[in-house]
Amino acid sequence: MSMKTSAGLQDSGTTDESTTENAEADLGLAELIEQHENTDWSDVPGISAAEAGAWTARLIEARDTVQEGL
């Protein structure tokens, strides 16, 4: 049975597909976290270092959640 996840993504519910999707999400999140950490946020108007740090922490939490499902 297919269902929508909280992020609005389609999930068929099969283990094989979920594992593949989780691995792809893990790689994507790792790349996003690396790019986020390498961004010089002082060059971005309206974004404080504290906000950028909070976003990075949320991304790391999301990656950890995905890795729990691997």
PDB file of N, CA and C in Angstrom:
ATOM      1  N   MET A   1       0.845  -1.178   0.000  1.00  0.00           N
ATOM      2  CA  MET A   1       0.000   0.000   0.000  1.00  0.00           C
ATOM      3  C   MET A   1       0.890   1.241   0.000  1.00  0.00           C
ATOM      4  N   SER A   2       0.597   2.150  -0.903  1.00  0.00           N
ATOM      5  CA  SER A   2       1.365   3.380  -1.021  1.00  0.00           C
ATOM      6  C   SER A   2       0.816   4.439  -0.075  1.00  0.00           C
ATOM      7  N   MET A   3       1.730   5.254   0.475  1.00  0.00           N
ATOM      8  CA  MET A   3       1.281   6.316   1.374  1.00  0.00           C
ATOM      9  C   MET A   3       2.229   7.496   1.295  1.00  0.00           C
ATOM     10  N   LYS A   4       1.749   8.654   1.706  1.00  0.00           N
ATOM     11  CA  LYS A   4       2.576   9.857   1.738  1.00  0.00           C
ATOM     12  C   LYS A   4       3.262   9.945   3.089  1.00  0.00           C
ATOM     13  N   THR A   5       4.518  10.343   3.064  1.00  0.00           N
ATOM     14  CA  THR A   5       5.241  10.570   4.310  1.00  0.00           C
ATOM     15  C   THR A   5       4.959  11.994   4.776  1.00  0.00           C
ATOM     16  N   SER A   6       5.448  12.330   5.953  1.00  0.00           N
ATOM     17  CA  SER A   6       5.222  13.680   6.476  1.00  0.00           C
ATOM     18  C   SER A   6       5.867  14.739   5.597  1.00  0.00           C
ATOM     19  N   ALA A   7       6.871  14.354   4.821  1.00  0.00           N
ATOM     20  CA  ALA A   7       7.518  15.304   3.920  1.00  0.00           C
ATOM     21  C   ALA A   7       6.805  15.366   2.574  1.00  0.00           C
ATOM     22  N   GLY A   8       5.724  14.586   2.430  1.00  0.00           N
ATOM     23  CA  GLY A   8       4.968  14.593   1.191  1.00  0.00           C
ATOM     24  C   GLY A   8       5.544  13.687   0.129  1.00  0.00           C
ATOM     25  N   LEU A   9       6.497  12.841   0.487  1.00  0.00           N
ATOM     26  CA  LEU A   9       7.110  11.938  -0.466  1.00  0.00           C
ATOM     27  C   LEU A   9       6.302  10.653  -0.561  1.00  0.00           C
ATOM     28  N   GLN A  10       6.297  10.064  -1.730  1.00  0.00           N
ATOM     29  CA  GLN A  10       5.575   8.813  -1.918  1.00  0.00           C
ATOM     30  C   GLN A  10       6.407   7.669  -1.366  1.00  0.00           C
ATOM     31  N   ASP A  11       5.795   6.790  -0.609  1.00  0.00           N
ATOM     32  CA  ASP A  11       6.480   5.635  -0.045  1.00  0.00           C
ATOM     33  C   ASP A  11       5.602   4.419  -0.270  1.00  0.00           C
ATOM     34  N   SER A  12       6.124   3.442  -1.004  1.00  0.00           N
ATOM     35  CA  SER A  12       5.340   2.243  -1.295  1.00  0.00           C
ATOM     36  C   SER A  12       5.240   1.339  -0.081  1.00  0.00           C
ATOM     37  N   GLY A  13       6.124   1.542   0.873  1.00  0.00           N
ATOM     38  CA  GLY A  13       6.088   0.735   2.081  1.00  0.00           C
ATOM     39  C   GLY A  13       6.910  -0.538   1.989  1.00  0.00           C
ATOM     40  N   THR A  14       7.539  -0.805   0.843  1.00  0.00           N
ATOM     41  CA  THR A  14       8.342  -2.008   0.729  1.00  0.00           C
ATOM     42  C   THR A  14       9.696  -1.792   1.376  1.00  0.00           C
ATOM     43  N   THR A  15      10.226  -2.837   1.986  1.00  0.00           N
ATOM     44  CA  THR A  15      11.501  -2.733   2.684  1.00  0.00           C
ATOM     45  C   THR A  15      12.632  -2.393   1.734  1.00  0.00           C
ATOM     46  N   ASP A  16      12.700  -3.086   0.569  1.00  0.00           N
ATOM     47  CA  ASP A  16      13.778  -2.828  -0.381  1.00  0.00           C
ATOM     48  C   ASP A  16      13.774  -1.392  -0.849  1.00  0.00           C
ATOM     49  N   GLU A  17      12.607  -0.888  -1.192  1.00  0.00           N
ATOM     50  CA  GLU A  17      12.522   0.488  -1.670  1.00  0.00           C
ATOM     51  C   GLU A  17      12.854   1.461  -0.550  1.00  0.00           C
ATOM     52  N   SER A  18      12.381   1.193   0.637  1.00  0.00           N
ATOM     53  CA  SER A  18      12.654   2.084   1.760  1.00  0.00           C
ATOM     54  C   SER A  18      14.147   2.143   2.065  1.00  0.00           C
ATOM     55  N   THR A  19      14.833   1.012   2.013  1.00  0.00           N
ATOM     56  CA  THR A  19      16.260   0.982   2.270  1.00  0.00           C
ATOM     57  C   THR A  19      17.007   1.786   1.218  1.00  0.00           C
ATOM     58  N   THR A  20      16.632   1.612  -0.044  1.00  0.00           N
ATOM     59  CA  THR A  20      17.262   2.364  -1.129  1.00  0.00           C
ATOM     60  C   THR A  20      16.998   3.850  -0.968  1.00  0.00           C
ATOM     61  N   GLU A  21      15.760   4.206  -0.682  1.00  0.00           N
ATOM     62  CA  GLU A  21      15.410   5.614  -0.504  1.00  0.00           C
ATOM     63  C   GLU A  21      16.141   6.211   0.683  1.00  0.00           C
ATOM     64  N   ASN A  22      16.263   5.459   1.772  1.00  0.00           N
ATOM     65  CA  ASN A  22      16.981   5.956   2.955  1.00  0.00           C
ATOM     66  C   ASN A  22      18.458   6.152   2.654  1.00  0.00           C
ATOM     67  N   ALA A  23      19.056   5.243   1.902  1.00  0.00           N
ATOM     68  CA  ALA A  23      20.474   5.386   1.549  1.00  0.00           C
ATOM     69  C   ALA A  23      20.673   6.618   0.668  1.00  0.00           C
ATOM     70  N   GLU A  24      19.762   6.823  -0.288  1.00  0.00           N
ATOM     71  CA  GLU A  24      19.849   8.004  -1.152  1.00  0.00           C
ATOM     72  C   GLU A  24      19.648   9.281  -0.334  1.00  0.00           C
ATOM     73  N   ALA A  25      18.706   9.251   0.592  1.00  0.00           N
ATOM     74  CA  ALA A  25      18.462  10.421   1.442  1.00  0.00           C
ATOM     75  C   ALA A  25      19.671  10.704   2.322  1.00  0.00           C
ATOM     76  N   ASP A  26      20.301   9.644   2.835  1.00  0.00           N
ATOM     77  CA  ASP A  26      21.492   9.808   3.678  1.00  0.00           C
ATOM     78  C   ASP A  26      22.601  10.486   2.898  1.00  0.00           C
ATOM     79  N   LEU A  27      22.832  10.047   1.663  1.00  0.00           N
ATOM     80  CA  LEU A  27      23.872  10.663   0.838  1.00  0.00           C
ATOM     81  C   LEU A  27      23.533  12.117   0.524  1.00  0.00           C
ATOM     82  N   GLY A  28      22.274  12.363   0.203  1.00  0.00           N
ATOM     83  CA  GLY A  28      21.849  13.729  -0.095  1.00  0.00           C
ATOM     84  C   GLY A  28      21.984  14.643   1.102  1.00  0.00           C
ATOM     85  N   LEU A  29      21.592  14.158   2.264  1.00  0.00           N
ATOM     86  CA  LEU A  29      21.714  14.962   3.479  1.00  0.00           C
ATOM     87  C   LEU A  29      23.175  15.213   3.831  1.00  0.00           C
ATOM     88  N   ALA A  30      24.018  14.203   3.662  1.00  0.00           N
ATOM     89  CA  ALA A  30      25.441  14.384   3.956  1.00  0.00           C
ATOM     90  C   ALA A  30      26.036  15.465   3.058  1.00  0.00           C
ATOM     91  N   GLU A  31      25.669  15.448   1.782  1.00  0.00           N
ATOM     92  CA  GLU A  31      26.169  16.463   0.853  1.00  0.00           C
ATOM     93  C   GLU A  31      25.632  17.849   1.219  1.00  0.00           C
ATOM     94  N   LEU A  32      24.354  17.916   1.554  1.00  0.00           N
ATOM     95  CA  LEU A  32      23.750  19.192   1.941  1.00  0.00           C
ATOM     96  C   LEU A  32      24.394  19.743   3.208  1.00  0.00           C
ATOM     97  N   ILE A  33      24.634  18.883   4.181  1.00  0.00           N
ATOM     98  CA  ILE A  33      25.276  19.313   5.436  1.00  0.00           C
ATOM     99  C   ILE A  33      26.672  19.850   5.150  1.00  0.00           C
ATOM    100  N   GLU A  34      27.422  19.146   4.305  1.00  0.00           N
ATOM    101  CA  GLU A  34      28.776  19.600   3.983  1.00  0.00           C
ATOM    102  C   GLU A  34      28.744  20.975   3.310  1.00  0.00           C
ATOM    103  N   GLN A  35      27.844  21.153   2.341  1.00  0.00           N
ATOM    104  CA  GLN A  35      27.728  22.444   1.668  1.00  0.00           C
ATOM    105  C   GLN A  35      27.289  23.530   2.644  1.00  0.00           C
ATOM    106  N   HIS A  36      26.377  23.187   3.525  1.00  0.00           N
ATOM    107  CA  HIS A  36      25.863  24.137   4.511  1.00  0.00           C
ATOM    108  C   HIS A  36      26.972  24.579   5.456  1.00  0.00           C
ATOM    109  N   GLU A  37      27.791  23.615   5.893  1.00  0.00           N
ATOM    110  CA  GLU A  37      28.888  23.937   6.811  1.00  0.00           C
ATOM    111  C   GLU A  37      29.987  24.744   6.123  1.00  0.00           C
ATOM    112  N   ASN A  38      30.129  24.584   4.813  1.00  0.00           N
ATOM    113  CA  ASN A  38      31.170  25.293   4.077  1.00  0.00           C
ATOM    114  C   ASN A  38      30.724  26.664   3.570  1.00  0.00           C
ATOM    115  N   THR A  39      29.474  27.011   3.807  1.00  0.00           N
ATOM    116  CA  THR A  39      28.962  28.314   3.388  1.00  0.00           C
ATOM    117  C   THR A  39      29.434  29.391   4.359  1.00  0.00           C
ATOM    118  N   ASP A  40      29.897  30.494   3.828  1.00  0.00           N
ATOM    119  CA  ASP A  40      30.270  31.633   4.669  1.00  0.00           C
ATOM    120  C   ASP A  40      29.006  32.459   4.894  1.00  0.00           C
ATOM    121  N   TRP A  41      28.329  32.184   5.992  1.00  0.00           N
ATOM    122  CA  TRP A  41      27.029  32.798   6.261  1.00  0.00           C
ATOM    123  C   TRP A  41      27.132  34.290   6.519  1.00  0.00           C
ATOM    124  N   SER A  42      28.319  34.795   6.795  1.00  0.00           N
ATOM    125  CA  SER A  42      28.470  36.241   6.981  1.00  0.00           C
ATOM    126  C   SER A  42      28.259  36.978   5.660  1.00  0.00           C
ATOM    127  N   ASP A  43      28.375  36.257   4.532  1.00  0.00           N
ATOM    128  CA  ASP A  43      28.131  36.850   3.214  1.00  0.00           C
ATOM    129  C   ASP A  43      26.660  36.822   2.815  1.00  0.00           C
ATOM    130  N   VAL A  44      25.815  36.204   3.639  1.00  0.00           N
ATOM    131  CA  VAL A  44      24.392  36.062   3.310  1.00  0.00           C
ATOM    132  C   VAL A  44      23.595  37.053   4.151  1.00  0.00           C
ATOM    133  N   PRO A  45      23.034  38.075   3.504  1.00  0.00           N
ATOM    134  CA  PRO A  45      22.272  39.082   4.260  1.00  0.00           C
ATOM    135  C   PRO A  45      21.058  38.471   4.963  1.00  0.00           C
ATOM    136  N   GLY A  46      20.852  38.885   6.185  1.00  0.00           N
ATOM    137  CA  GLY A  46      19.655  38.484   6.925  1.00  0.00           C
ATOM    138  C   GLY A  46      19.738  37.131   7.606  1.00  0.00           C
ATOM    139  N   ILE A  47      20.861  36.444   7.487  1.00  0.00           N
ATOM    140  CA  ILE A  47      21.025  35.144   8.136  1.00  0.00           C
ATOM    141  C   ILE A  47      22.130  35.265   9.181  1.00  0.00           C
ATOM    142  N   SER A  48      21.765  35.029  10.420  1.00  0.00           N
ATOM    143  CA  SER A  48      22.762  35.117  11.494  1.00  0.00           C
ATOM    144  C   SER A  48      23.504  33.786  11.625  1.00  0.00           C
ATOM    145  N   ALA A  49      24.642  33.840  12.269  1.00  0.00           N
ATOM    146  CA  ALA A  49      25.414  32.626  12.526  1.00  0.00           C
ATOM    147  C   ALA A  49      24.606  31.654  13.376  1.00  0.00           C
ATOM    148  N   ALA A  50      23.820  32.188  14.303  1.00  0.00           N
ATOM    149  CA  ALA A  50      22.987  31.332  15.162  1.00  0.00           C
ATOM    150  C   ALA A  50      21.926  30.600  14.345  1.00  0.00           C
ATOM    151  N   GLU A  51      21.289  31.313  13.398  1.00  0.00           N
ATOM    152  CA  GLU A  51      20.289  30.669  12.538  1.00  0.00           C
ATOM    153  C   GLU A  51      20.926  29.579  11.686  1.00  0.00           C
ATOM    154  N   ALA A  52      22.056  29.883  11.093  1.00  0.00           N
ATOM    155  CA  ALA A  52      22.756  28.905  10.259  1.00  0.00           C
ATOM    156  C   ALA A  52      23.150  27.685  11.085  1.00  0.00           C
ATOM    157  N   GLY A  53      23.611  27.920  12.314  1.00  0.00           N
ATOM    158  CA  GLY A  53      23.970  26.815  13.206  1.00  0.00           C
ATOM    159  C   GLY A  53      22.769  25.951  13.552  1.00  0.00           C
ATOM    160  N   ALA A  54      21.625  26.591  13.778  1.00  0.00           N
ATOM    161  CA  ALA A  54      20.399  25.844  14.091  1.00  0.00           C
ATOM    162  C   ALA A  54      19.970  25.000  12.892  1.00  0.00           C
ATOM    163  N   TRP A  55      20.097  25.552  11.691  1.00  0.00           N
ATOM    164  CA  TRP A  55      19.748  24.794  10.482  1.00  0.00           C
ATOM    165  C   TRP A  55      20.663  23.587  10.333  1.00  0.00           C
ATOM    166  N   THR A  56      21.953  23.798  10.564  1.00  0.00           N
ATOM    167  CA  THR A  56      22.902  22.686  10.466  1.00  0.00           C
ATOM    168  C   THR A  56      22.542  21.594  11.464  1.00  0.00           C
ATOM    169  N   ALA A  57      22.196  21.984  12.681  1.00  0.00           N
ATOM    170  CA  ALA A  57      21.817  21.005  13.702  1.00  0.00           C
ATOM    171  C   ALA A  57      20.586  20.219  13.266  1.00  0.00           C
ATOM    172  N   ARG A  58      19.603  20.892  12.659  1.00  0.00           N
ATOM    173  CA  ARG A  58      18.400  20.196  12.181  1.00  0.00           C
ATOM    174  C   ARG A  58      18.733  19.231  11.045  1.00  0.00           C
ATOM    175  N   LEU A  59      19.627  19.634  10.160  1.00  0.00           N
ATOM    176  CA  LEU A  59      20.034  18.750   9.074  1.00  0.00           C
ATOM    177  C   LEU A  59      20.736  17.508   9.617  1.00  0.00           C
ATOM    178  N   ILE A  60      21.589  17.693  10.611  1.00  0.00           N
ATOM    179  CA  ILE A  60      22.292  16.563  11.222  1.00  0.00           C
ATOM    180  C   ILE A  60      21.297  15.637  11.914  1.00  0.00           C
ATOM    181  N   GLU A  61      20.306  16.189  12.585  1.00  0.00           N
ATOM    182  CA  GLU A  61      19.257  15.372  13.214  1.00  0.00           C
ATOM    183  C   GLU A  61      18.497  14.574  12.164  1.00  0.00           C
ATOM    184  N   ALA A  62      18.193  15.218  11.036  1.00  0.00           N
ATOM    185  CA  ALA A  62      17.479  14.526   9.960  1.00  0.00           C
ATOM    186  C   ALA A  62      18.323  13.380   9.415  1.00  0.00           C
ATOM    187  N   ARG A  63      19.626  13.624   9.216  1.00  0.00           N
ATOM    188  CA  ARG A  63      20.512  12.570   8.727  1.00  0.00           C
ATOM    189  C   ARG A  63      20.564  11.421   9.729  1.00  0.00           C
ATOM    190  N   ASP A  64      20.661  11.733  11.025  1.00  0.00           N
ATOM    191  CA  ASP A  64      20.704  10.690  12.048  1.00  0.00           C
ATOM    192  C   ASP A  64      19.421   9.869  12.043  1.00  0.00           C
ATOM    193  N   THR A  65      18.291  10.519  11.836  1.00  0.00           N
ATOM    194  CA  THR A  65      17.010   9.821  11.763  1.00  0.00           C
ATOM    195  C   THR A  65      16.975   8.879  10.570  1.00  0.00           C
ATOM    196  N   VAL A  66      17.476   9.341   9.438  1.00  0.00           N
ATOM    197  CA  VAL A  66      17.531   8.498   8.239  1.00  0.00           C
ATOM    198  C   VAL A  66      18.447   7.312   8.489  1.00  0.00           C
ATOM    199  N   GLN A  67      19.598   7.548   9.112  1.00  0.00           N
ATOM    200  CA  GLN A  67      20.555   6.471   9.347  1.00  0.00           C
ATOM    201  C   GLN A  67      20.004   5.414  10.299  1.00  0.00           C
ATOM    202  N   GLU A  68      19.110   5.790  11.192  1.00  0.00           N
ATOM    203  CA  GLU A  68      18.477   4.816  12.088  1.00  0.00           C
ATOM    204  C   GLU A  68      17.660   3.814  11.285  1.00  0.00           C
ATOM    205  N   GLY A  69      17.143   4.255  10.134  1.00  0.00           N
ATOM    206  CA  GLY A  69      16.330   3.385   9.299  1.00  0.00           C
ATOM    207  C   GLY A  69      17.132   2.532   8.344  1.00  0.00           C
ATOM    208  N   LEU A  70      18.447   2.719   8.278  1.00  0.00           N
ATOM    209  CA  LEU A  70      19.271   1.937   7.330  1.00  0.00           C
ATOM    210  C   LEU A  70      19.569   0.570   7.829  1.00  0.00           C
TER     211      LEU A  70
END
